[in-house]
Amino acid sequence: MGLSTFDVFKNINADNSAGLKVLNDDELHQLQKVLFEMLIDLDAFFKKNGIEYSLAGGSALGVIRHGGFIPWDDDVDLLMTRRNYEKLKQCFVKEKGKEYWFHTPEHTKNYGLGFARIRKKGTVCRSRDDVHNEECGVYIDIFLMENTYDSAIFRKIHGMLSMACGFAYSCRRFWAYRDINMSLVKGNKEAEKVFRKKMFIGRLVSFISLDGWTHLWNKVNSMCGNEKSKYVTVPCGRRHFFKEMYDRKWACRMEPCNFTFDGKTVNFSLMKGARNYLTKMYGDYMKMPNSEDIEKHILLELKF
C-alpha cells in the first residue's frame, strides 16, 4: 500500500461508529441536482467575466462517457489556469458572495486544502475535511493547471519541490486530523499502519502550521510564470505533478460540451484534448469499473 491513502479513503466502509453518511438514491439525485444548478450559475458567471475553465476528473469522464454525471458521482471538479483563477479571485466574492463561500489555499484560514472550493450557502455537505468548518455547503472543487518550465532540468526541479511540499503538507494534514482519520479506518490494520506512518511524519513537520504548508505548496506550484510554456501540470490533482502533466495546446483550449441532467441539456466547457486527458487519468476510460473500484465519498452530514 505504501504511503498513498487515496485508495484507502475510496474503499472505506461506512459504519455507525465512524458517523458516516451513506446516501440513498433520492439523496444522491438531490445532491446532483444542486450541483447541476450550481454549474449552470457558475458557468454563466465565468462567461460573463471571461474566465475559461474545463470540467475535470470524474466530471469530464461523466460528460464523455455518460453525457452528464457519472451515475454514482456526488461532486464536481473543474480545472482552470492560474491566470483565470486570479481573475476569479478578483471578482467572485464581490459578485457572488451572498450565494456562495469561496475558500482558497491562499487566504482561507484553517482551510487545509491545496485547491479552491466554491460552496453553496444554505446547504450542508460535511465531509472529513469539514470537522471544524461551519461553511460547509455543497461544493465544487477548482484545481489549477500550473505553468511549468520548458527546460527539462528546471521542470524536474519544479516537480520534485512540489512533490516534497505536497507530501509534507499531506502528512501535516493527517496529524492535524488524526482523530477523524483513525476513526474512519478503525479495525483495518493495514490502513491504520499507513495512517500512523503519515501521522508520525506529520508530527515531525508540525513546527510549520497546516496553513503554512498549504501556502508554501501553493507558492511552489505557481513558481513558473511562463504562460506560453509547452506543458501545464495539476500538482494538487490525485495523480500529482508528473502524472498530471499535459500539453498546453490541447489542455488550455476549451470548447462547449453538452451536459444533460433530468432531461435538461446545458452547454458547459471542456478542454479540446479531453480524451487525451482522460486516457492519461484513467486508461481505458470508456470501460465501466467493477463495483469494488467505485469511489466512495465520505459524508458526515448532508442538508439541502
Protein backbone atom coordinates (compact mmCIF):
# COMPACT_ATOMS: atom_id res chain seq x y z
CA MET A 1 0.00 0.00 0.00
CA GLY A 2 2.95 2.35 0.56
CA LEU A 3 2.02 5.80 1.84
CA SER A 4 -0.69 6.52 -0.72
CA THR A 5 -4.03 6.90 1.03
CA PHE A 6 -6.35 7.63 -1.91
CA ASP A 7 -7.40 4.00 -2.33
CA VAL A 8 -7.90 3.68 1.42
CA PHE A 9 -10.42 6.52 1.51
CA LYS A 10 -12.06 5.29 -1.69
CA ASN A 11 -12.84 1.92 -0.15
CA ILE A 12 -13.75 2.86 3.41
CA ASN A 13 -16.86 1.06 4.59
CA ALA A 14 -19.36 3.34 6.26
CA ASP A 15 -20.29 2.23 9.74
CA ASN A 16 -22.20 3.81 12.54
CA SER A 17 -19.17 4.13 14.79
CA ALA A 18 -17.47 6.44 12.33
CA GLY A 19 -20.62 8.54 11.98
CA LEU A 20 -20.57 8.37 8.19
CA LYS A 21 -23.48 9.36 5.98
CA VAL A 22 -24.47 6.83 3.31
CA LEU A 23 -26.51 8.49 0.57
CA ASN A 24 -29.63 6.76 -0.67
CA ASP A 25 -30.71 7.16 -4.29
CA ASP A 26 -33.02 10.11 -3.57
CA GLU A 27 -30.33 11.98 -1.64
CA LEU A 28 -27.76 11.38 -4.38
CA HIS A 29 -30.18 12.65 -7.01
CA GLN A 30 -30.95 15.75 -4.95
CA LEU A 31 -27.23 16.42 -4.43
CA GLN A 32 -26.59 16.10 -8.18
CA LYS A 33 -29.49 18.50 -8.80
CA VAL A 34 -27.93 21.13 -6.55
CA LEU A 35 -24.52 20.63 -8.22
CA PHE A 36 -26.10 20.93 -11.68
CA GLU A 37 -27.81 24.19 -10.69
CA MET A 38 -24.52 25.48 -9.27
CA LEU A 39 -22.74 24.59 -12.52
CA ILE A 40 -25.32 26.47 -14.58
CA ASP A 41 -24.93 29.54 -12.36
CA LEU A 42 -21.13 29.42 -12.24
CA ASP A 43 -20.80 28.79 -15.97
CA ALA A 44 -22.81 31.96 -16.64
CA PHE A 45 -20.63 33.88 -14.18
CA PHE A 46 -17.42 32.58 -15.76
CA LYS A 47 -18.58 33.53 -19.26
CA LYS A 48 -19.65 36.99 -18.11
CA ASN A 49 -16.19 37.63 -16.64
CA GLY A 50 -14.10 35.99 -19.37
CA ILE A 51 -12.92 33.14 -17.14
CA GLU A 52 -12.05 29.96 -19.01
CA TYR A 53 -12.47 26.58 -17.32
CA SER A 54 -12.88 22.89 -18.08
CA LEU A 55 -14.82 20.11 -16.44
CA ALA A 56 -12.22 17.81 -14.89
CA GLY A 57 -11.74 14.40 -13.25
CA GLY A 58 -14.95 12.44 -12.85
CA SER A 59 -16.97 15.39 -14.17
CA ALA A 60 -15.08 15.27 -17.50
CA LEU A 61 -15.37 11.48 -17.55
CA GLY A 62 -19.10 11.73 -16.87
CA VAL A 63 -19.81 14.09 -19.76
CA ILE A 64 -17.80 11.97 -22.21
CA ARG A 65 -18.96 8.52 -21.09
CA HIS A 66 -22.46 9.24 -19.75
CA GLY A 67 -23.44 12.61 -21.22
CA GLY A 68 -23.69 14.12 -17.73
CA PHE A 69 -22.93 12.88 -14.23
CA ILE A 70 -21.36 9.51 -13.64
CA PRO A 71 -24.46 7.81 -12.13
CA TRP A 72 -22.90 7.41 -8.68
CA ASP A 73 -20.87 10.64 -8.61
CA ASP A 74 -21.56 13.17 -5.88
CA ASP A 75 -19.16 16.04 -6.63
CA VAL A 76 -17.94 18.30 -9.44
CA ASP A 77 -14.34 19.09 -10.39
CA LEU A 78 -13.19 21.99 -12.55
CA LEU A 79 -9.81 22.95 -13.99
CA MET A 80 -8.54 26.41 -14.85
CA THR A 81 -5.18 28.06 -15.40
CA ARG A 82 -3.57 30.20 -12.72
CA ARG A 83 -4.27 33.31 -14.83
CA ASN A 84 -8.01 32.55 -14.95
CA TYR A 85 -8.01 31.68 -11.26
CA GLU A 86 -6.54 35.09 -10.40
CA LYS A 87 -9.33 36.73 -12.42
CA LEU A 88 -11.85 34.63 -10.48
CA LYS A 89 -10.46 35.72 -7.13
CA GLN A 90 -10.72 39.38 -8.08
CA CYS A 91 -14.45 39.35 -8.76
CA PHE A 92 -16.14 36.30 -7.25
CA VAL A 93 -16.79 37.36 -3.66
CA LYS A 94 -17.96 40.81 -4.72
CA GLU A 95 -20.46 39.46 -7.23
CA LYS A 96 -21.44 36.07 -5.77
CA GLY A 97 -20.58 36.32 -2.09
CA LYS A 98 -24.22 36.37 -1.00
CA GLU A 99 -24.80 32.97 -2.58
CA TYR A 100 -21.50 31.16 -2.06
CA TRP A 101 -18.49 30.78 0.18
CA PHE A 102 -15.20 30.86 -1.73
CA HIS A 103 -12.37 29.00 0.02
CA THR A 104 -8.82 29.26 -1.29
CA PRO A 105 -5.48 27.81 -0.17
CA GLU A 106 -4.00 31.31 -0.13
CA HIS A 107 -6.48 33.20 2.02
CA THR A 108 -8.89 30.92 3.91
CA LYS A 109 -7.72 30.35 7.46
CA ASN A 110 -7.59 26.73 8.68
CA TYR A 111 -8.66 25.57 5.22
CA GLY A 112 -6.08 22.85 4.75
CA LEU A 113 -6.66 22.03 1.06
CA GLY A 114 -4.35 22.71 -1.86
CA PHE A 115 -7.14 23.65 -4.29
CA ALA A 116 -10.04 26.12 -4.18
CA ARG A 117 -13.62 25.24 -3.32
CA ILE A 118 -16.88 27.09 -4.03
CA ARG A 119 -19.65 26.17 -1.56
CA LYS A 120 -23.34 26.99 -1.70
CA LYS A 121 -24.73 28.86 1.27
CA GLY A 122 -27.89 27.46 2.85
CA THR A 123 -26.77 23.84 2.35
CA VAL A 124 -24.60 21.44 4.31
CA CYS A 125 -22.30 18.82 2.81
CA ARG A 126 -19.88 17.98 5.60
CA SER A 127 -17.02 15.66 4.71
CA ARG A 128 -13.96 14.54 6.66
CA ASP A 129 -12.38 17.86 5.59
CA ASP A 130 -15.03 19.84 7.46
CA VAL A 131 -14.99 18.57 11.03
CA HIS A 132 -14.47 22.08 12.40
CA ASN A 133 -15.81 24.04 9.41
CA GLU A 134 -19.25 25.63 9.55
CA GLU A 135 -19.02 26.99 5.98
CA CYS A 136 -19.50 23.50 4.59
CA GLY A 137 -22.13 23.83 1.88
CA VAL A 138 -22.43 21.66 -1.22
CA TYR A 139 -19.21 22.28 -3.13
CA ILE A 140 -17.48 22.43 -6.49
CA ASP A 141 -13.70 21.98 -6.49
CA ILE A 142 -11.38 24.10 -8.64
CA PHE A 143 -7.99 22.62 -9.48
CA LEU A 144 -5.25 24.72 -11.06
CA MET A 145 -3.32 23.98 -14.20
CA GLU A 146 0.03 25.50 -13.36
CA ASN A 147 2.75 26.60 -15.77
CA THR A 148 5.93 24.57 -15.66
CA TYR A 149 9.32 25.04 -17.28
CA ASP A 150 10.35 24.17 -20.83
CA SER A 151 13.77 23.19 -19.55
CA ALA A 152 13.68 19.50 -18.57
CA ILE A 153 16.07 20.19 -15.67
CA PHE A 154 14.06 23.10 -14.26
CA ARG A 155 10.85 21.16 -14.83
CA LYS A 156 12.27 18.25 -12.83
CA ILE A 157 13.32 20.58 -10.01
CA HIS A 158 9.90 22.22 -10.04
CA GLY A 159 8.19 18.84 -9.86
CA MET A 160 10.39 17.48 -7.09
CA LEU A 161 9.88 20.61 -4.97
CA SER A 162 6.13 20.37 -5.49
CA MET A 163 6.05 16.67 -4.63
CA ALA A 164 8.14 17.22 -1.49
CA CYS A 165 5.98 20.10 -0.27
CA GLY A 166 2.81 18.20 -1.16
CA PHE A 167 3.92 15.14 0.79
CA ALA A 168 4.86 17.22 3.84
CA TYR A 169 1.52 19.04 3.58
CA SER A 170 -0.36 15.72 3.35
CA CYS A 171 1.39 14.28 6.39
CA ARG A 172 0.89 17.50 8.36
CA ARG A 173 -2.78 17.34 7.46
CA PHE A 174 -3.01 13.75 8.69
CA TRP A 175 -1.54 14.86 12.00
CA ALA A 176 -3.99 17.77 12.25
CA TYR A 177 -6.98 15.50 11.53
CA ARG A 178 -5.63 12.39 13.24
CA ASP A 179 -8.70 11.64 15.33
CA ILE A 180 -11.22 11.58 12.48
CA ASN A 181 -8.80 9.79 10.14
CA MET A 182 -8.13 6.98 12.60
CA SER A 183 -11.84 6.59 13.36
CA LEU A 184 -12.53 6.04 9.67
CA VAL A 185 -10.18 3.05 9.42
CA LYS A 186 -10.72 1.57 12.87
CA GLY A 187 -10.16 -2.19 12.70
CA ASN A 188 -8.37 -2.08 9.33
CA LYS A 189 -4.84 -2.96 10.48
CA GLU A 190 -3.16 -2.28 7.14
CA ALA A 191 -4.78 1.13 6.75
CA GLU A 192 -4.08 2.01 10.39
CA LYS A 193 -0.39 1.24 9.81
CA VAL A 194 -0.22 3.56 6.80
CA PHE A 195 -2.10 6.31 8.62
CA ARG A 196 0.20 6.07 11.64
CA LYS A 197 3.26 6.43 9.40
CA LYS A 198 1.86 9.57 7.82
CA MET A 199 0.88 10.98 11.19
CA PHE A 200 4.37 10.32 12.52
CA ILE A 201 5.89 12.29 9.66
CA GLY A 202 3.19 14.92 10.11
CA ARG A 203 4.16 15.38 13.72
CA LEU A 204 7.81 15.82 12.72
CA VAL A 205 6.91 18.64 10.32
CA SER A 206 4.34 20.21 12.65
CA PHE A 207 6.77 23.02 13.50
CA ILE A 208 5.07 24.61 10.46
CA SER A 209 1.29 25.00 10.72
CA LEU A 210 -1.05 23.31 8.26
CA ASP A 211 -1.83 26.71 6.78
CA GLY A 212 1.90 27.33 6.46
CA TRP A 213 2.46 24.12 4.48
CA THR A 214 -0.61 24.86 2.34
CA HIS A 215 0.71 28.34 1.50
CA LEU A 216 4.21 27.04 0.78
CA TRP A 217 2.94 24.29 -1.53
CA ASN A 218 0.77 26.80 -3.37
CA LYS A 219 3.75 29.15 -3.89
CA VAL A 220 5.98 26.34 -5.17
CA ASN A 221 3.30 25.15 -7.58
CA SER A 222 2.90 28.64 -9.04
CA MET A 223 6.60 29.47 -9.29
CA CYS A 224 6.80 29.30 -13.12
CA GLY A 225 5.46 32.48 -14.70
CA ASN A 226 5.76 31.37 -18.34
CA GLU A 227 2.20 31.31 -19.69
CA LYS A 228 3.45 30.07 -23.06
CA SER A 229 5.33 27.02 -21.77
CA LYS A 230 4.77 23.75 -23.62
CA TYR A 231 3.35 21.94 -20.59
CA VAL A 232 0.97 22.64 -17.75
CA THR A 233 0.56 20.48 -14.68
CA VAL A 234 -2.03 19.86 -11.95
CA PRO A 235 0.10 19.40 -8.81
CA CYS A 236 -2.91 19.15 -6.46
CA GLY A 237 -4.68 16.56 -8.59
CA ARG A 238 -4.95 12.97 -7.44
CA ARG A 239 -2.02 11.88 -9.64
CA HIS A 240 0.17 14.86 -8.73
CA PHE A 241 2.76 16.85 -10.65
CA PHE A 242 4.43 14.47 -13.10
CA LYS A 243 1.47 12.19 -13.84
CA GLU A 244 -0.82 15.16 -14.43
CA MET A 245 1.37 17.00 -16.92
CA TYR A 246 -0.43 17.97 -20.13
CA ASP A 247 0.35 19.65 -23.43
CA ARG A 248 -0.83 23.26 -23.25
CA LYS A 249 -2.01 23.28 -26.87
CA TRP A 250 -4.89 20.92 -26.06
CA ALA A 251 -5.28 21.27 -22.28
CA CYS A 252 -5.78 25.04 -22.24
CA ARG A 253 -8.07 25.35 -25.25
CA MET A 254 -11.73 25.00 -24.35
CA GLU A 255 -14.83 24.10 -26.31
CA PRO A 256 -18.54 23.68 -25.43
CA CYS A 257 -19.84 20.29 -24.32
CA ASN A 258 -23.39 19.05 -23.80
CA PHE A 259 -24.23 18.06 -20.23
CA THR A 260 -27.64 16.51 -19.56
CA PHE A 261 -29.40 16.06 -16.22
CA ASP A 262 -33.07 15.20 -15.66
CA GLY A 263 -33.77 15.73 -19.34
CA LYS A 264 -32.25 19.23 -19.43
CA THR A 265 -29.17 19.78 -21.60
CA VAL A 266 -26.79 22.68 -20.97
CA ASN A 267 -23.53 23.71 -22.63
CA PHE A 268 -20.60 23.69 -20.24
CA SER A 269 -16.87 23.90 -21.04
CA LEU A 270 -14.39 21.10 -21.70
CA MET A 271 -10.76 21.10 -22.85
CA LYS A 272 -10.26 20.21 -26.51
CA GLY A 273 -7.94 17.38 -25.54
CA ALA A 274 -10.40 15.81 -23.10
CA ARG A 275 -9.90 12.31 -24.46
CA ASN A 276 -6.11 12.64 -24.13
CA TYR A 277 -6.63 13.90 -20.58
CA LEU A 278 -8.98 11.05 -19.65
CA THR A 279 -6.68 8.42 -21.12
CA LYS A 280 -3.81 9.71 -19.00
CA MET A 281 -6.03 9.87 -15.91
CA TYR A 282 -7.95 6.61 -16.23
CA GLY A 283 -6.52 4.50 -19.05
CA ASP A 284 -9.47 2.82 -20.83
CA TYR A 285 -11.91 5.42 -19.57
CA MET A 286 -14.90 4.06 -21.52
CA LYS A 287 -14.74 0.79 -19.61
CA MET A 288 -17.15 0.68 -16.67
CA PRO A 289 -15.43 -0.06 -13.35
CA ASN A 290 -16.09 -3.06 -11.16
CA SER A 291 -18.31 -2.32 -8.17
CA GLU A 292 -15.37 -2.57 -5.76
CA ASP A 293 -13.46 0.10 -7.71
CA ILE A 294 -16.20 2.71 -7.50
CA GLU A 295 -15.03 5.66 -5.42
CA LYS A 296 -16.88 6.33 -2.19
CA HIS A 297 -17.06 9.91 -0.95
CA ILE A 298 -17.29 10.16 2.82
CA LEU A 299 -20.04 12.38 4.19
CA LEU A 300 -20.72 13.17 7.80
CA GLU A 301 -23.76 15.39 7.26
CA LEU A 302 -25.97 16.42 4.33
CA LYS A 303 -28.74 19.03 4.26
CA PHE A 304 -30.40 20.90 1.40
